């Protein structure tokens, strides 16, 4: 016997939210894959200075997002199917998955908040090391000049803070992107901050939207599961 009345409305409301949840999972997966293959981040985070690799903290978060997006799509499909079939077993499994996802999102949010400044800081330190080696003419053996040029070309910047003044005029023409007359170079520290803060902003918005949907999903799934149990008694 199928559910009736308000419970039936909750059934279709849960199906609708699950469809939104499935779409949100697809969007998160797409954004994560875009961030993973974005030319700015890949050009910088694949760099190597001698035997030292660029910091990969940012990519750890991206891989977590890819996994979360894929799981959300699976759980969203499970919720849609469970709601339409009015299956207490599927809805119970769905609710358990939502609780686990919510816990993982909270943990990932705490990790991201703790590391949000550290990501840009590590990349700036990596750039500064290469920049100092260029100034000391120690870059030929450890790829320092190539690292600095990649930063400058990718981010359209030159020098750490006001460090452009420390670059000799001949080196500046070789290391810095060419500018028109009266145009000035932005320092690379500011550009690095803008690069990662902008991407973390996108991730933060997606996380808040998903958290709200998860809370609604958990409430609706429990109400529907109780409604199905009560309707089966009569």
Protein backbone atom coordinates (compact mmCIF):
# COMPACT_ATOMS: atom_id res chain seq x y z
CA UNK A 1 0.00 0.00 0.00
CA UNK A 2 1.47 3.37 -1.02
CA UNK A 3 1.68 6.45 1.16
CA UNK A 4 -1.09 9.05 1.03
CA UNK A 5 -1.71 12.67 1.94
CA UNK A 6 1.13 14.73 3.39
CA UNK A 7 3.49 11.76 3.32
CA UNK A 8 3.01 11.47 -0.42
CA UNK A 9 3.95 15.16 -0.78
CA UNK A 10 7.08 14.50 1.30
CA UNK A 11 7.89 11.56 -0.99
CA UNK A 12 7.96 13.75 -4.10
CA UNK A 13 9.62 16.59 -2.21
CA UNK A 14 12.39 14.18 -1.19
CA UNK A 15 12.70 13.01 -4.79
CA UNK A 16 13.04 16.64 -5.91
CA UNK A 17 15.71 17.42 -3.28
CA UNK A 18 17.56 14.24 -4.19
CA UNK A 19 17.59 15.28 -7.83
CA UNK A 20 19.02 18.66 -6.77
CA UNK A 21 21.51 16.78 -4.58
CA UNK A 22 22.53 14.60 -7.53
CA UNK A 23 22.98 17.73 -9.68
CA UNK A 24 25.01 19.39 -6.89
CA UNK A 25 27.26 16.32 -6.78
CA UNK A 26 27.77 16.59 -10.52
CA UNK A 27 28.58 20.31 -10.22
CA UNK A 28 31.08 19.70 -7.40
CA UNK A 29 32.70 16.92 -9.41
CA UNK A 30 32.89 19.18 -12.46
CA UNK A 31 34.32 22.13 -10.48
CA UNK A 32 36.87 19.85 -8.79
CA UNK A 33 38.01 18.43 -12.12
CA UNK A 34 38.26 21.96 -13.53
CA UNK A 35 40.36 23.09 -10.55
CA UNK A 36 42.51 19.97 -10.92
CA UNK A 37 43.26 20.70 -14.59
CA UNK A 38 43.12 24.53 -14.51
CA UNK A 39 46.18 25.86 -16.35
CA UNK A 40 47.10 28.37 -13.64
CA UNK A 41 47.27 25.88 -10.79
CA UNK A 42 48.78 23.03 -12.81
CA UNK A 43 51.50 25.25 -14.27
CA UNK A 44 52.51 26.33 -10.78
CA UNK A 45 51.92 23.22 -8.67
CA UNK A 46 53.71 20.87 -11.09
CA UNK A 47 56.92 22.92 -10.84
CA UNK A 48 60.07 21.42 -9.40
CA UNK A 49 63.01 23.37 -7.93
CA UNK A 50 66.02 21.09 -7.91
CA UNK A 51 64.79 18.05 -5.96
CA UNK A 52 61.98 19.99 -4.26
CA UNK A 53 58.40 19.73 -5.51
CA UNK A 54 55.89 22.59 -5.27
CA UNK A 55 53.45 22.27 -2.32
CA UNK A 56 50.57 19.90 -3.09
CA UNK A 57 48.23 20.77 -0.19
CA UNK A 58 45.78 22.35 -2.65
CA UNK A 59 45.57 19.13 -4.68
CA UNK A 60 44.77 17.10 -1.56
CA UNK A 61 41.63 19.18 -1.12
CA UNK A 62 40.78 18.82 -4.81
CA UNK A 63 41.01 15.01 -4.67
CA UNK A 64 38.72 15.05 -1.64
CA UNK A 65 36.22 17.14 -3.62
CA UNK A 66 36.35 14.72 -6.56
CA UNK A 67 35.58 11.82 -4.23
CA UNK A 68 32.77 13.76 -2.51
CA UNK A 69 31.18 14.74 -5.84
CA UNK A 70 31.19 11.14 -7.09
CA UNK A 71 29.73 9.83 -3.81
CA UNK A 72 27.05 12.55 -3.82
CA UNK A 73 25.91 11.52 -7.29
CA UNK A 74 25.62 7.89 -6.15
CA UNK A 75 23.81 8.80 -2.92
CA UNK A 76 21.48 11.17 -4.78
CA UNK A 77 20.49 8.38 -7.16
CA UNK A 78 19.99 6.02 -4.19
CA UNK A 79 17.69 8.55 -2.50
CA UNK A 80 15.63 9.14 -5.66
CA UNK A 81 15.13 5.42 -6.19
CA UNK A 82 14.36 4.77 -2.51
CA UNK A 83 11.77 7.55 -2.41
CA UNK A 84 9.96 6.41 -5.57
CA UNK A 85 10.00 2.75 -4.48
CA UNK A 86 8.98 3.69 -0.91
CA UNK A 87 11.65 1.32 0.42
CA UNK A 88 12.44 1.63 4.12
CA UNK A 89 15.67 -0.30 3.59
CA UNK A 90 16.92 2.02 0.82
CA UNK A 91 15.82 5.12 2.73
CA UNK A 92 17.59 3.88 5.87
CA UNK A 93 20.77 3.26 3.86
CA UNK A 94 20.35 6.67 2.25
CA UNK A 95 20.02 8.36 5.65
CA UNK A 96 23.17 6.60 6.92
CA UNK A 97 25.08 7.77 3.83
CA UNK A 98 23.88 11.34 4.41
CA UNK A 99 25.11 11.30 8.02
CA UNK A 100 28.52 10.03 6.89
CA UNK A 101 28.68 12.63 4.11
CA UNK A 102 27.73 15.42 6.50
CA UNK A 103 30.42 14.33 8.98
CA UNK A 104 33.00 14.18 6.16
CA UNK A 105 31.99 17.64 4.95
CA UNK A 106 32.36 19.10 8.43
CA UNK A 107 35.79 17.46 8.76
CA UNK A 108 36.82 18.71 5.30
CA UNK A 109 35.55 22.21 6.15
CA UNK A 110 37.63 22.30 9.33
CA UNK A 111 40.68 21.04 7.41
CA UNK A 112 40.15 23.66 4.69
CA UNK A 113 39.70 26.48 7.22
CA UNK A 114 42.90 25.48 9.03
CA UNK A 115 44.91 25.19 5.80
CA UNK A 116 43.40 28.03 3.73
CA UNK A 117 46.25 30.45 4.47
CA UNK A 118 48.93 27.77 4.57
CA UNK A 119 48.36 26.78 0.93
CA UNK A 120 49.17 30.26 -0.42
CA UNK A 121 51.97 30.68 2.14
CA UNK A 122 53.71 27.46 1.02
CA UNK A 123 53.47 28.44 -2.65
CA UNK A 124 54.86 31.92 -1.91
CA UNK A 125 57.78 30.39 -0.01
CA UNK A 126 58.48 28.08 -2.94
CA UNK A 127 58.46 31.06 -5.32
CA UNK A 128 60.69 33.12 -3.00
CA UNK A 129 63.30 30.34 -2.87
CA UNK A 130 63.46 30.22 -6.66
CA UNK A 131 63.55 34.03 -6.87
CA UNK A 132 66.44 34.27 -4.40
CA UNK A 133 68.40 31.67 -6.34
CA UNK A 134 67.92 33.67 -9.54
CA UNK A 135 69.27 36.78 -7.81
CA UNK A 136 72.29 34.81 -6.54
CA UNK A 137 72.87 33.35 -10.01
CA UNK A 138 72.36 29.82 -8.60
CA UNK A 139 69.42 28.92 -10.83
CA UNK A 140 71.08 27.07 -13.69
CA UNK A 141 71.61 23.84 -11.79
CA UNK A 142 68.22 23.63 -10.08
CA UNK A 143 65.78 25.12 -12.58
CA UNK A 144 65.19 28.30 -10.52
CA UNK A 145 64.97 30.64 -13.50
CA UNK A 146 62.40 28.42 -15.24
CA UNK A 147 60.33 28.28 -12.04
CA UNK A 148 60.34 32.07 -11.66
CA UNK A 149 59.44 32.65 -15.32
CA UNK A 150 56.55 30.17 -15.08
CA UNK A 151 55.13 32.06 -12.09
CA UNK A 152 55.53 35.39 -13.87
CA UNK A 153 53.95 34.24 -17.15
CA UNK A 154 51.12 32.26 -15.56
CA UNK A 155 50.07 34.92 -13.03
CA UNK A 156 51.16 37.99 -15.06
CA UNK A 157 53.25 39.30 -12.18
CA UNK A 158 56.87 40.04 -11.34
CA UNK A 159 58.78 39.82 -8.07
CA UNK A 160 57.77 39.12 -4.47
CA UNK A 161 56.21 42.19 -2.82
CA UNK A 162 58.45 45.00 -4.06
CA UNK A 163 61.17 42.58 -5.08
CA UNK A 164 61.08 43.68 -8.73
CA UNK A 165 63.42 46.52 -7.78
CA UNK A 166 66.04 43.94 -6.85
CA UNK A 167 66.07 42.45 -10.36
CA UNK A 168 68.73 43.95 -12.63
CA UNK A 169 67.27 45.71 -15.69
CA UNK A 170 68.60 43.11 -18.16
CA UNK A 171 67.22 40.21 -16.12
CA UNK A 172 63.92 42.02 -15.64
CA UNK A 173 63.34 42.13 -19.39
CA UNK A 174 63.99 38.38 -19.55
CA UNK A 175 62.07 37.27 -16.44
CA UNK A 176 59.05 39.59 -16.33
CA UNK A 177 56.10 39.69 -18.75
CA UNK A 178 56.35 42.54 -21.25
CA UNK A 179 54.21 45.58 -20.42
CA UNK A 180 53.16 48.63 -22.38
CA UNK A 181 54.58 52.04 -21.49
CA UNK A 182 53.42 53.29 -18.04
CA UNK A 183 52.02 49.84 -17.15
CA UNK A 184 53.23 48.35 -13.89
CA UNK A 185 53.78 44.76 -12.79
CA UNK A 186 51.72 43.37 -9.90
CA UNK A 187 53.83 41.58 -7.29
CA UNK A 188 53.51 37.80 -7.31
CA UNK A 189 52.61 37.45 -3.63
CA UNK A 190 49.38 39.35 -4.24
CA UNK A 191 48.61 37.30 -7.36
CA UNK A 192 49.18 34.02 -5.49
CA UNK A 193 46.81 35.15 -2.72
CA UNK A 194 44.17 36.08 -5.32
CA UNK A 195 44.58 32.77 -7.15
CA UNK A 196 43.97 30.51 -4.17
CA UNK A 197 41.51 32.73 -2.26
CA UNK A 198 39.30 32.87 -5.38
CA UNK A 199 39.25 29.11 -5.77
CA UNK A 200 38.67 28.50 -2.05
CA UNK A 201 35.76 30.96 -2.24
CA UNK A 202 34.10 28.77 -4.89
CA UNK A 203 34.68 25.65 -2.79
CA UNK A 204 33.20 27.37 0.29
CA UNK A 205 29.99 28.35 -1.52
CA UNK A 206 29.55 24.81 -2.83
CA UNK A 207 30.10 23.37 0.67
CA UNK A 208 27.47 25.64 2.26
CA UNK A 209 24.87 24.78 -0.41
CA UNK A 210 25.53 21.05 0.00
CA UNK A 211 25.33 21.27 3.81
CA UNK A 212 21.88 22.92 3.65
CA UNK A 213 20.64 20.28 1.18
CA UNK A 214 22.02 17.48 3.38
CA UNK A 215 20.10 18.73 6.43
CA UNK A 216 16.82 18.91 4.47
CA UNK A 217 17.49 15.46 3.00
CA UNK A 218 18.04 13.87 6.41
CA UNK A 219 14.85 15.37 7.84
CA UNK A 220 12.70 14.41 4.84
CA UNK A 221 14.09 10.87 4.59
CA UNK A 222 13.34 10.16 8.26
CA UNK A 223 9.82 11.61 7.99
CA UNK A 224 9.11 9.59 4.84
CA UNK A 225 10.53 6.42 6.36
CA UNK A 226 8.27 6.84 9.41
CA UNK A 227 5.30 7.58 7.11
CA UNK A 228 5.92 4.39 5.11
CA UNK A 229 6.18 2.34 8.33
CA UNK A 230 2.89 3.75 9.64
CA UNK A 231 1.06 3.26 6.35
CA UNK A 232 2.09 -0.40 6.19
CA UNK A 233 0.36 -1.03 9.52
CA UNK A 234 -3.09 -0.21 8.10
